[in-house]
PDB file of N, CA and C in Angstrom:
ATOM      1  N   MET A   1       0.599  -1.324   0.008  1.00  0.00           N
ATOM      2  CA  MET A   1       0.027  -0.030   0.274  1.00  0.00           C
ATOM      3  C   MET A   1       0.939   1.398  -0.174  1.00  0.00           C
ATOM      4  N   GLU A   2       1.787   0.983   0.352  1.00  0.00           N
ATOM      5  CA  GLU A   2       2.867   2.456   0.937  1.00  0.00           C
ATOM      6  C   GLU A   2       3.127   2.423  -0.349  1.00  0.00           C
ATOM      7  N   GLU A   3       4.068   2.133  -1.316  1.00  0.00           N
ATOM      8  CA  GLU A   3       4.559   1.604  -2.657  1.00  0.00           C
ATOM      9  C   GLU A   3       3.494   2.273  -3.687  1.00  0.00           C
ATOM     10  N   GLU A   4       2.718   1.708  -3.325  1.00  0.00           N
ATOM     11  CA  GLU A   4       1.401   2.671  -4.206  1.00  0.00           C
ATOM     12  C   GLU A   4       1.584   3.764  -4.044  1.00  0.00           C
ATOM     13  N   LYS A   5       1.618   4.061  -2.903  1.00  0.00           N
ATOM     14  CA  LYS A   5       1.300   5.614  -2.689  1.00  0.00           C
ATOM     15  C   LYS A   5       3.051   6.328  -3.349  1.00  0.00           C
ATOM     16  N   LYS A   6       3.753   6.006  -2.983  1.00  0.00           N
ATOM     17  CA  LYS A   6       5.086   6.706  -3.505  1.00  0.00           C
ATOM     18  C   LYS A   6       5.022   6.477  -4.796  1.00  0.00           C
ATOM     19  N   ILE A   7       4.543   5.890  -5.766  1.00  0.00           N
ATOM     20  CA  ILE A   7       4.139   5.898  -6.955  1.00  0.00           C
ATOM     21  C   ILE A   7       3.382   6.588  -7.558  1.00  0.00           C
ATOM     22  N   GLU A   8       2.112   7.362  -6.553  1.00  0.00           N
ATOM     23  CA  GLU A   8       1.341   7.983  -7.408  1.00  0.00           C
ATOM     24  C   GLU A   8       1.644   9.810  -6.815  1.00  0.00           C
ATOM     25  N   ASN A   9       2.486   9.265  -5.798  1.00  0.00           N
ATOM     26  CA  ASN A   9       3.038  11.102  -5.400  1.00  0.00           C
ATOM     27  C   ASN A   9       4.679  11.471  -6.339  1.00  0.00           C
ATOM     28  N   MET A  10       5.005  10.513  -6.898  1.00  0.00           N
ATOM     29  CA  MET A  10       6.326  10.555  -7.977  1.00  0.00           C
ATOM     30  C   MET A  10       5.617  11.238  -9.577  1.00  0.00           C
ATOM     31  N   ALA A  11       4.132  10.254  -9.655  1.00  0.00           N
ATOM     32  CA  ALA A  11       3.411  10.749 -11.175  1.00  0.00           C
ATOM     33  C   ALA A  11       2.569  11.819 -10.874  1.00  0.00           C
ATOM     34  N   ARG A  12       2.557  12.609  -9.432  1.00  0.00           N
ATOM     35  CA  ARG A  12       1.872  13.253  -9.251  1.00  0.00           C
ATOM     36  C   ARG A  12       3.221  14.787  -8.836  1.00  0.00           C
ATOM     37  N   ILE A  13       4.270  14.475  -8.462  1.00  0.00           N
ATOM     38  CA  ILE A  13       5.494  15.321  -8.892  1.00  0.00           C
ATOM     39  C   ILE A  13       5.891  15.700 -10.194  1.00  0.00           C
ATOM     40  N   MET A  14       5.603  14.209 -11.263  1.00  0.00           N
ATOM     41  CA  MET A  14       6.109  14.705 -12.534  1.00  0.00           C
ATOM     42  C   MET A  14       4.926  15.569 -13.343  1.00  0.00           C
ATOM     43  N   SER A  15       3.970  15.069 -13.168  1.00  0.00           N
ATOM     44  CA  SER A  15       2.554  16.291 -13.756  1.00  0.00           C
ATOM     45  C   SER A  15       2.730  18.069 -13.016  1.00  0.00           C
ATOM     46  N   LEU A  16       3.289  18.110 -11.890  1.00  0.00           N
ATOM     47  CA  LEU A  16       3.804  19.307 -11.022  1.00  0.00           C
ATOM     48  C   LEU A  16       4.985  19.828 -12.471  1.00  0.00           C
ATOM     49  N   LEU A  17       5.582  18.713 -12.309  1.00  0.00           N
ATOM     50  CA  LEU A  17       7.004  19.764 -13.203  1.00  0.00           C
ATOM     51  C   LEU A  17       6.681  19.485 -14.568  1.00  0.00           C
ATOM     52  N   HIS A  18       6.108  19.505 -15.206  1.00  0.00           N
ATOM     53  CA  HIS A  18       5.145  19.288 -16.031  1.00  0.00           C
ATOM     54  C   HIS A  18       4.479  20.763 -16.328  1.00  0.00           C
ATOM     55  N   LEU A  19       3.776  20.705 -16.045  1.00  0.00           N
ATOM     56  CA  LEU A  19       3.173  21.866 -15.984  1.00  0.00           C
ATOM     57  C   LEU A  19       3.847  23.329 -15.682  1.00  0.00           C
ATOM     58  N   ALA A  20       4.893  22.775 -14.440  1.00  0.00           N
ATOM     59  CA  ALA A  20       6.239  24.413 -14.622  1.00  0.00           C
ATOM     60  C   ALA A  20       6.452  24.349 -15.722  1.00  0.00           C
ATOM     61  N   ARG A  21       7.094  23.703 -16.453  1.00  0.00           N
ATOM     62  CA  ARG A  21       7.563  23.638 -17.739  1.00  0.00           C
ATOM     63  C   ARG A  21       6.721  24.513 -18.590  1.00  0.00           C
ATOM     64  N   LYS A  22       5.607  24.019 -18.835  1.00  0.00           N
ATOM     65  CA  LYS A  22       4.894  24.796 -19.809  1.00  0.00           C
ATOM     66  C   LYS A  22       4.520  26.709 -19.217  1.00  0.00           C
ATOM     67  N   ALA A  23       4.961  26.258 -17.685  1.00  0.00           N
ATOM     68  CA  ALA A  23       4.803  28.090 -17.248  1.00  0.00           C
ATOM     69  C   ALA A  23       5.997  28.106 -17.590  1.00  0.00           C
ATOM     70  N   GLY A  24       7.028  28.011 -17.976  1.00  0.00           N
ATOM     71  CA  GLY A  24       8.671  28.734 -17.974  1.00  0.00           C
ATOM     72  C   GLY A  24       8.925  28.688 -16.518  1.00  0.00           C
ATOM     73  N   ARG A  25       8.504  28.404 -15.543  1.00  0.00           N
ATOM     74  CA  ARG A  25       9.557  27.804 -14.500  1.00  0.00           C
ATOM     75  C   ARG A  25       9.809  26.685 -13.508  1.00  0.00           C
ATOM     76  N   LEU A  26      10.073  26.106 -15.042  1.00  0.00           N
ATOM     77  CA  LEU A  26      11.161  24.975 -14.425  1.00  0.00           C
ATOM     78  C   LEU A  26      12.603  25.343 -15.549  1.00  0.00           C
ATOM     79  N   ILE A  27      13.654  24.828 -14.908  1.00  0.00           N
ATOM     80  CA  ILE A  27      14.998  25.360 -15.443  1.00  0.00           C
ATOM     81  C   ILE A  27      15.886  23.848 -15.571  1.00  0.00           C
ATOM     82  N   THR A  28      16.004  23.598 -16.613  1.00  0.00           N
ATOM     83  CA  THR A  28      16.749  22.244 -17.052  1.00  0.00           C
ATOM     84  C   THR A  28      18.517  21.895 -17.277  1.00  0.00           C
ATOM     85  N   GLY A  29      19.436  21.699 -16.466  1.00  0.00           N
ATOM     86  CA  GLY A  29      20.044  21.557 -17.112  1.00  0.00           C
ATOM     87  C   GLY A  29      21.301  22.041 -16.135  1.00  0.00           C
ATOM     88  N   ARG A  30      22.517  21.840 -16.154  1.00  0.00           N
ATOM     89  CA  ARG A  30      23.350  22.307 -14.814  1.00  0.00           C
ATOM     90  C   ARG A  30      23.968  23.576 -15.131  1.00  0.00           C
ATOM     91  N   ASP A  31      24.077  24.542 -16.398  1.00  0.00           N
ATOM     92  CA  ASP A  31      24.511  25.393 -16.693  1.00  0.00           C
ATOM     93  C   ASP A  31      23.521  26.867 -15.882  1.00  0.00           C
ATOM     94  N   ALA A  32      22.275  26.065 -16.551  1.00  0.00           N
ATOM     95  CA  ALA A  32      21.398  26.959 -16.531  1.00  0.00           C
ATOM     96  C   ALA A  32      20.385  26.981 -15.093  1.00  0.00           C
ATOM     97  N   VAL A  33      20.674  25.793 -14.319  1.00  0.00           N
ATOM     98  CA  VAL A  33      20.298  25.758 -13.118  1.00  0.00           C
ATOM     99  C   VAL A  33      21.144  26.213 -12.674  1.00  0.00           C
ATOM    100  N   LEU A  34      22.888  27.185 -12.446  1.00  0.00           N
ATOM    101  CA  LEU A  34      23.460  27.369 -11.729  1.00  0.00           C
ATOM    102  C   LEU A  34      22.841  28.982 -12.023  1.00  0.00           C
ATOM    103  N   ARG A  35      22.601  28.978 -13.007  1.00  0.00           N
ATOM    104  CA  ARG A  35      22.432  30.643 -13.407  1.00  0.00           C
ATOM    105  C   ARG A  35      21.673  31.437 -12.872  1.00  0.00           C
ATOM    106  N   SER A  36      20.738  30.013 -12.163  1.00  0.00           N
ATOM    107  CA  SER A  36      18.604  30.871 -11.631  1.00  0.00           C
ATOM    108  C   SER A  36      19.253  30.784 -10.481  1.00  0.00           C
ATOM    109  N   VAL A  37      20.661  29.827  -9.642  1.00  0.00           N
ATOM    110  CA  VAL A  37      20.612  29.889  -8.159  1.00  0.00           C
ATOM    111  C   VAL A  37      21.247  31.272  -8.141  1.00  0.00           C
ATOM    112  N   ASN A  38      22.198  31.734  -8.585  1.00  0.00           N
ATOM    113  CA  ASN A  38      23.455  32.352  -8.667  1.00  0.00           C
ATOM    114  C   ASN A  38      22.539  33.877  -8.107  1.00  0.00           C
ATOM    115  N   SER A  39      21.241  34.062  -9.350  1.00  0.00           N
ATOM    116  CA  SER A  39      20.159  35.304  -9.636  1.00  0.00           C
ATOM    117  C   SER A  39      18.899  35.087  -8.914  1.00  0.00           C
ATOM    118  N   GLY A  40      19.326  34.142  -8.129  1.00  0.00           N
ATOM    119  CA  GLY A  40      18.031  33.945  -6.647  1.00  0.00           C
ATOM    120  C   GLY A  40      16.679  33.726  -7.199  1.00  0.00           C
ATOM    121  N   ARG A  41      16.713  33.428  -8.546  1.00  0.00           N
ATOM    122  CA  ARG A  41      15.070  32.917  -8.614  1.00  0.00           C
ATOM    123  C   ARG A  41      15.045  31.451  -8.700  1.00  0.00           C
ATOM    124  N   ALA A  42      15.954  30.956  -8.033  1.00  0.00           N
ATOM    125  CA  ALA A  42      16.022  29.526  -7.996  1.00  0.00           C
ATOM    126  C   ALA A  42      15.084  29.121  -6.447  1.00  0.00           C
ATOM    127  N   LYS A  43      14.127  28.530  -6.426  1.00  0.00           N
ATOM    128  CA  LYS A  43      13.187  28.398  -5.453  1.00  0.00           C
ATOM    129  C   LYS A  43      13.064  27.139  -4.443  1.00  0.00           C
ATOM    130  N   MET A  44      13.584  25.861  -5.688  1.00  0.00           N
ATOM    131  CA  MET A  44      14.021  24.358  -5.343  1.00  0.00           C
ATOM    132  C   MET A  44      14.941  23.586  -5.879  1.00  0.00           C
ATOM    133  N   VAL A  45      15.777  22.635  -6.129  1.00  0.00           N
ATOM    134  CA  VAL A  45      16.534  22.000  -7.096  1.00  0.00           C
ATOM    135  C   VAL A  45      16.258  20.868  -7.469  1.00  0.00           C
ATOM    136  N   LEU A  46      16.141  19.793  -8.071  1.00  0.00           N
ATOM    137  CA  LEU A  46      16.141  18.778  -7.825  1.00  0.00           C
ATOM    138  C   LEU A  46      16.947  18.074  -8.462  1.00  0.00           C
ATOM    139  N   TYR A  47      17.494  17.392  -7.985  1.00  0.00           N
ATOM    140  CA  TYR A  47      18.500  16.476  -8.533  1.00  0.00           C
ATOM    141  C   TYR A  47      18.129  14.883  -8.967  1.00  0.00           C
ATOM    142  N   ALA A  48      18.905  14.115 -10.231  1.00  0.00           N
ATOM    143  CA  ALA A  48      18.451  12.034 -10.171  1.00  0.00           C
ATOM    144  C   ALA A  48      19.940  12.165  -9.340  1.00  0.00           C
ATOM    145  N   ARG A  49      19.392  10.839  -8.428  1.00  0.00           N
ATOM    146  CA  ARG A  49      19.696  10.314  -7.666  1.00  0.00           C
ATOM    147  C   ARG A  49      21.227   9.762  -7.886  1.00  0.00           C
ATOM    148  N   ASP A  50      21.554   9.705  -9.369  1.00  0.00           N
ATOM    149  CA  ASP A  50      22.671   8.966  -9.977  1.00  0.00           C
ATOM    150  C   ASP A  50      23.590  10.091 -10.379  1.00  0.00           C
ATOM    151  N   TYR A  51      22.960  11.599 -10.058  1.00  0.00           N
ATOM    152  CA  TYR A  51      24.039  12.332 -10.632  1.00  0.00           C
ATOM    153  C   TYR A  51      25.444  12.514 -10.087  1.00  0.00           C
ATOM    154  N   SER A  52      26.184  12.944 -10.826  1.00  0.00           N
ATOM    155  CA  SER A  52      27.805  13.415 -10.275  1.00  0.00           C
ATOM    156  C   SER A  52      27.819  13.674  -8.754  1.00  0.00           C
ATOM    157  N   ARG A  53      28.974  13.182  -7.902  1.00  0.00           N
ATOM    158  CA  ARG A  53      28.965  13.389  -6.325  1.00  0.00           C
ATOM    159  C   ARG A  53      29.354  14.685  -6.527  1.00  0.00           C
ATOM    160  N   GLY A  54      30.563  14.803  -7.076  1.00  0.00           N
ATOM    161  CA  GLY A  54      31.594  15.796  -7.196  1.00  0.00           C
ATOM    162  C   GLY A  54      30.679  17.605  -7.710  1.00  0.00           C
ATOM    163  N   ALA A  55      29.540  17.376  -8.896  1.00  0.00           N
ATOM    164  CA  ALA A  55      29.009  17.639  -9.044  1.00  0.00           C
ATOM    165  C   ALA A  55      27.650  18.354  -7.925  1.00  0.00           C
ATOM    166  N   PHE A  56      27.413  16.962  -7.418  1.00  0.00           N
ATOM    167  CA  PHE A  56      26.217  17.525  -6.461  1.00  0.00           C
ATOM    168  C   PHE A  56      26.480  17.985  -5.236  1.00  0.00           C
ATOM    169  N   ILE A  57      27.681  17.692  -5.162  1.00  0.00           N
ATOM    170  CA  ILE A  57      28.713  18.515  -3.323  1.00  0.00           C
ATOM    171  C   ILE A  57      28.670  19.238  -3.831  1.00  0.00           C
ATOM    172  N   ARG A  58      29.040  20.207  -5.125  1.00  0.00           N
ATOM    173  CA  ARG A  58      29.173  22.145  -4.898  1.00  0.00           C
ATOM    174  C   ARG A  58      28.128  22.348  -5.383  1.00  0.00           C
ATOM    175  N   PHE A  59      26.924  21.938  -5.656  1.00  0.00           N
ATOM    176  CA  PHE A  59      25.648  22.351  -6.138  1.00  0.00           C
ATOM    177  C   PHE A  59      24.804  22.262  -4.297  1.00  0.00           C
ATOM    178  N   ARG A  60      24.936  21.788  -3.491  1.00  0.00           N
ATOM    179  CA  ARG A  60      24.556  21.369  -2.564  1.00  0.00           C
ATOM    180  C   ARG A  60      24.849  22.545  -1.300  1.00  0.00           C
ATOM    181  N   GLN A  61      26.541  23.117  -1.287  1.00  0.00           N
ATOM    182  CA  GLN A  61      26.946  24.224  -0.787  1.00  0.00           C
ATOM    183  C   GLN A  61      26.819  25.623  -1.286  1.00  0.00           C
ATOM    184  N   LEU A  62      26.063  25.869  -3.064  1.00  0.00           N
ATOM    185  CA  LEU A  62      25.689  26.998  -3.127  1.00  0.00           C
ATOM    186  C   LEU A  62      24.137  26.833  -2.515  1.00  0.00           C
ATOM    187  N   THR A  63      23.556  26.105  -2.471  1.00  0.00           N
ATOM    188  CA  THR A  63      21.773  26.165  -2.254  1.00  0.00           C
ATOM    189  C   THR A  63      22.128  26.038  -1.030  1.00  0.00           C
ATOM    190  N   GLN A  64      22.471  25.639  -0.193  1.00  0.00           N
ATOM    191  CA  GLN A  64      22.638  25.966   1.268  1.00  0.00           C
ATOM    192  C   GLN A  64      23.128  27.459   1.614  1.00  0.00           C
ATOM    193  N   HIS A  65      23.769  27.766   0.925  1.00  0.00           N
ATOM    194  CA  HIS A  65      24.817  29.429   0.943  1.00  0.00           C
ATOM    195  C   HIS A  65      23.235  30.275   0.906  1.00  0.00           C
ATOM    196  N   ALA A  66      22.379  30.009   0.018  1.00  0.00           N
ATOM    197  CA  ALA A  66      21.117  30.412  -0.772  1.00  0.00           C
ATOM    198  C   ALA A  66      20.102  29.863   0.272  1.00  0.00           C
ATOM    199  N   ASN A  67      19.876  29.288   0.742  1.00  0.00           N
ATOM    200  CA  ASN A  67      18.832  28.084   1.245  1.00  0.00           C
ATOM    201  C   ASN A  67      17.878  28.170   0.625  1.00  0.00           C
ATOM    202  N   ILE A  68      18.362  27.308  -0.315  1.00  0.00           N
ATOM    203  CA  ILE A  68      17.327  26.723  -1.117  1.00  0.00           C
ATOM    204  C   ILE A  68      17.467  25.301  -1.442  1.00  0.00           C
ATOM    205  N   ARG A  69      16.095  24.551  -0.830  1.00  0.00           N
ATOM    206  CA  ARG A  69      15.968  23.027  -0.739  1.00  0.00           C
ATOM    207  C   ARG A  69      16.524  22.863  -2.151  1.00  0.00           C
ATOM    208  N   MET A  70      17.217  20.632  -1.301  1.00  0.00           N
ATOM    209  CA  MET A  70      17.324  20.445  -2.596  1.00  0.00           C
ATOM    210  C   MET A  70      16.950  18.954  -2.191  1.00  0.00           C
ATOM    211  N   VAL A  71      16.602  18.484  -3.349  1.00  0.00           N
ATOM    212  CA  VAL A  71      15.269  16.831  -3.358  1.00  0.00           C
ATOM    213  C   VAL A  71      15.630  16.353  -4.533  1.00  0.00           C
ATOM    214  N   ALA A  72      15.976  14.845  -4.146  1.00  0.00           N
ATOM    215  CA  ALA A  72      16.021  13.758  -4.690  1.00  0.00           C
ATOM    216  C   ALA A  72      14.874  13.085  -5.669  1.00  0.00           C
ATOM    217  N   LEU A  73      15.181  13.220  -6.723  1.00  0.00           N
ATOM    218  CA  LEU A  73      14.018  12.562  -7.567  1.00  0.00           C
ATOM    219  C   LEU A  73      14.641  11.375  -7.882  1.00  0.00           C
ATOM    220  N   SER A  74      14.378  11.032  -9.249  1.00  0.00           N
ATOM    221  CA  SER A  74      14.831   9.774  -9.369  1.00  0.00           C
ATOM    222  C   SER A  74      16.156   9.684 -10.472  1.00  0.00           C
ATOM    223  N   SER A  75      16.206   8.757 -11.427  1.00  0.00           N
ATOM    224  CA  SER A  75      17.381   8.652 -12.061  1.00  0.00           C
ATOM    225  C   SER A  75      17.884   9.332 -13.305  1.00  0.00           C
ATOM    226  N   MET A  76      19.120   9.732 -13.994  1.00  0.00           N
ATOM    227  CA  MET A  76      19.096  10.283 -14.742  1.00  0.00           C
ATOM    228  C   MET A  76      17.964  10.189 -16.144  1.00  0.00           C
ATOM    229  N   ALA A  77      18.138   9.189 -16.987  1.00  0.00           N
ATOM    230  CA  ALA A  77      18.133   8.579 -17.382  1.00  0.00           C
ATOM    231  C   ALA A  77      15.682   8.326 -17.848  1.00  0.00           C
ATOM    232  N   MET A  78      15.464   8.769 -16.537  1.00  0.00           N
ATOM    233  CA  MET A  78      13.897   8.663 -16.136  1.00  0.00           C
ATOM    234  C   MET A  78      13.657  10.199 -16.371  1.00  0.00           C
ATOM    235  N   LEU A  79      14.616  11.213 -15.828  1.00  0.00           N
ATOM    236  CA  LEU A  79      14.174  12.358 -15.470  1.00  0.00           C
ATOM    237  C   LEU A  79      14.656  12.947 -17.115  1.00  0.00           C
ATOM    238  N   GLY A  80      15.454  11.935 -18.307  1.00  0.00           N
ATOM    239  CA  GLY A  80      15.644  12.844 -19.670  1.00  0.00           C
ATOM    240  C   GLY A  80      14.129  11.888 -21.004  1.00  0.00           C
ATOM    241  N   LYS A  81      14.191  10.778 -19.905  1.00  0.00           N
ATOM    242  CA  LYS A  81      12.619  10.082 -20.532  1.00  0.00           C
ATOM    243  C   LYS A  81      11.484  11.449 -20.495  1.00  0.00           C
ATOM    244  N   GLU A  82      11.332  11.686 -19.326  1.00  0.00           N
ATOM    245  CA  GLU A  82      10.555  12.154 -18.937  1.00  0.00           C
ATOM    246  C   GLU A  82      10.232  13.603 -19.542  1.00  0.00           C
ATOM    247  N   PHE A  83      10.847  14.309 -19.648  1.00  0.00           N
ATOM    248  CA  PHE A  83      11.221  15.479 -20.320  1.00  0.00           C
ATOM    249  C   PHE A  83      11.732  15.643 -21.717  1.00  0.00           C
ATOM    250  N   SER A  84      11.467  14.412 -22.273  1.00  0.00           N
ATOM    251  CA  SER A  84      12.193  13.839 -23.907  1.00  0.00           C
ATOM    252  C   SER A  84      13.327  14.929 -24.066  1.00  0.00           C
ATOM    253  N   SER A  85      14.308  14.803 -23.686  1.00  0.00           N
ATOM    254  CA  SER A  85      15.592  14.817 -23.677  1.00  0.00           C
ATOM    255  C   SER A  85      16.774  14.096 -23.399  1.00  0.00           C
ATOM    256  N   ARG A  86      18.104  14.235 -23.422  1.00  0.00           N
ATOM    257  CA  ARG A  86      19.120  13.825 -22.658  1.00  0.00           C
ATOM    258  C   ARG A  86      18.916  13.349 -21.921  1.00  0.00           C
ATOM    259  N   ASP A  87      19.613  12.729 -20.542  1.00  0.00           N
ATOM    260  CA  ASP A  87      20.070  12.630 -19.300  1.00  0.00           C
ATOM    261  C   ASP A  87      19.941  13.590 -18.441  1.00  0.00           C
ATOM    262  N   ILE A  88      18.774  14.066 -17.704  1.00  0.00           N
ATOM    263  CA  ILE A  88      19.343  15.651 -17.023  1.00  0.00           C
ATOM    264  C   ILE A  88      19.613  15.159 -15.295  1.00  0.00           C
ATOM    265  N   GLY A  89      20.358  16.014 -14.924  1.00  0.00           N
ATOM    266  CA  GLY A  89      20.722  15.657 -13.531  1.00  0.00           C
ATOM    267  C   GLY A  89      20.362  16.889 -12.594  1.00  0.00           C
ATOM    268  N   LEU A  90      20.175  17.820 -13.087  1.00  0.00           N
ATOM    269  CA  LEU A  90      19.518  18.803 -12.242  1.00  0.00           C
ATOM    270  C   LEU A  90      18.374  19.655 -13.015  1.00  0.00           C
ATOM    271  N   LEU A  91      17.258  19.846 -12.122  1.00  0.00           N
ATOM    272  CA  LEU A  91      16.017  21.167 -12.297  1.00  0.00           C
ATOM    273  C   LEU A  91      15.768  21.843 -11.181  1.00  0.00           C
ATOM    274  N   CYS A  92      15.468  23.025 -12.161  1.00  0.00           N
ATOM    275  CA  CYS A  92      14.619  23.711 -10.926  1.00  0.00           C
ATOM    276  C   CYS A  92      13.921  24.519 -10.946  1.00  0.00           C
ATOM    277  N   LEU A  93      13.025  24.766 -10.026  1.00  0.00           N
ATOM    278  CA  LEU A  93      11.861  25.559  -9.551  1.00  0.00           C
ATOM    279  C   LEU A  93      12.019  27.023  -9.262  1.00  0.00           C
ATOM    280  N   GLU A  94      11.158  27.471 -10.241  1.00  0.00           N
ATOM    281  CA  GLU A  94      11.979  29.302 -10.072  1.00  0.00           C
ATOM    282  C   GLU A  94      10.148  29.365  -9.162  1.00  0.00           C
ATOM    283  N   ASP A  95       9.559  29.368  -9.104  1.00  0.00           N
ATOM    284  CA  ASP A  95       7.914  29.299  -8.634  1.00  0.00           C
ATOM    285  C   ASP A  95       7.672  28.923  -7.192  1.00  0.00           C
ATOM    286  N   VAL A  96       7.047  29.609  -6.458  1.00  0.00           N
ATOM    287  CA  VAL A  96       6.965  29.194  -4.735  1.00  0.00           C
ATOM    288  C   VAL A  96       5.590  27.977  -4.979  1.00  0.00           C
ATOM    289  N   ASN A  97       4.925  28.387  -5.758  1.00  0.00           N
ATOM    290  CA  ASN A  97       3.657  27.820  -5.330  1.00  0.00           C
ATOM    291  C   ASN A  97       3.942  26.396  -6.433  1.00  0.00           C
ATOM    292  N   PHE A  98       4.553  26.118  -7.151  1.00  0.00           N
ATOM    293  CA  PHE A  98       5.106  24.991  -7.430  1.00  0.00           C
ATOM    294  C   PHE A  98       5.397  23.765  -6.571  1.00  0.00           C
ATOM    295  N   VAL A  99       6.738  25.038  -6.095  1.00  0.00           N
ATOM    296  CA  VAL A  99       7.111  24.397  -4.644  1.00  0.00           C
ATOM    297  C   VAL A  99       6.598  23.675  -3.976  1.00  0.00           C
ATOM    298  N   ARG A 100       5.406  24.411  -3.110  1.00  0.00           N
ATOM    299  CA  ARG A 100       4.953  24.368  -2.058  1.00  0.00           C
ATOM    300  C   ARG A 100       3.823  22.925  -2.648  1.00  0.00           C
ATOM    301  N   GLY A 101       3.533  22.523  -3.755  1.00  0.00           N
ATOM    302  CA  GLY A 101       2.836  21.615  -4.504  1.00  0.00           C
ATOM    303  C   GLY A 101       3.403  20.440  -4.200  1.00  0.00           C
ATOM    304  N   ILE A 102       5.021  20.383  -4.945  1.00  0.00           N
ATOM    305  CA  ILE A 102       5.768  19.539  -4.368  1.00  0.00           C
ATOM    306  C   ILE A 102       5.926  19.016  -3.325  1.00  0.00           C
ATOM    307  N   GLU A 103       6.153  20.006  -2.093  1.00  0.00           N
ATOM    308  CA  GLU A 103       6.725  19.303  -0.825  1.00  0.00           C
ATOM    309  C   GLU A 103       5.292  18.579   0.379  1.00  0.00           C
ATOM    310  N   ARG A 104       4.255  18.891  -0.328  1.00  0.00           N
ATOM    311  CA  ARG A 104       3.053  18.221   0.289  1.00  0.00           C
ATOM    312  C   ARG A 104       3.322  16.987  -0.017  1.00  0.00           C
ATOM    313  N   LEU A 105       4.036  16.370  -1.597  1.00  0.00           N
ATOM    314  CA  LEU A 105       3.946  15.261  -2.094  1.00  0.00           C
ATOM    315  C   LEU A 105       5.188  14.439  -1.762  1.00  0.00           C
ATOM    316  N   LEU A 106       5.587  15.252  -0.925  1.00  0.00           N
ATOM    317  CA  LEU A 106       7.229  14.116  -0.491  1.00  0.00           C
ATOM    318  C   LEU A 106       6.920  13.732   1.285  1.00  0.00           C
TER     319      LEU A 106
END
């Protein structure tokens, strides 16, 4: 039963991410996410569990300094497939309302 809830919540999270993308509030890719964090627009950074450890540590330091929450999702391949792209390791939300929606599902 709990496994079903996790799967359902992940599907809802992906739906919210797709809505954020359509609204222009989802940023994908390391360089774009870095620009968003440095400019203060980022509200939450999401990363793939298999993202590079060294890069993850650098981003964690940046997000901690900026007081931005980092959340692990699934794999880079799954995120890439979900958004019809190559492997995606980092995503960032620039809207607090989408962040609230995702936080409710975590």
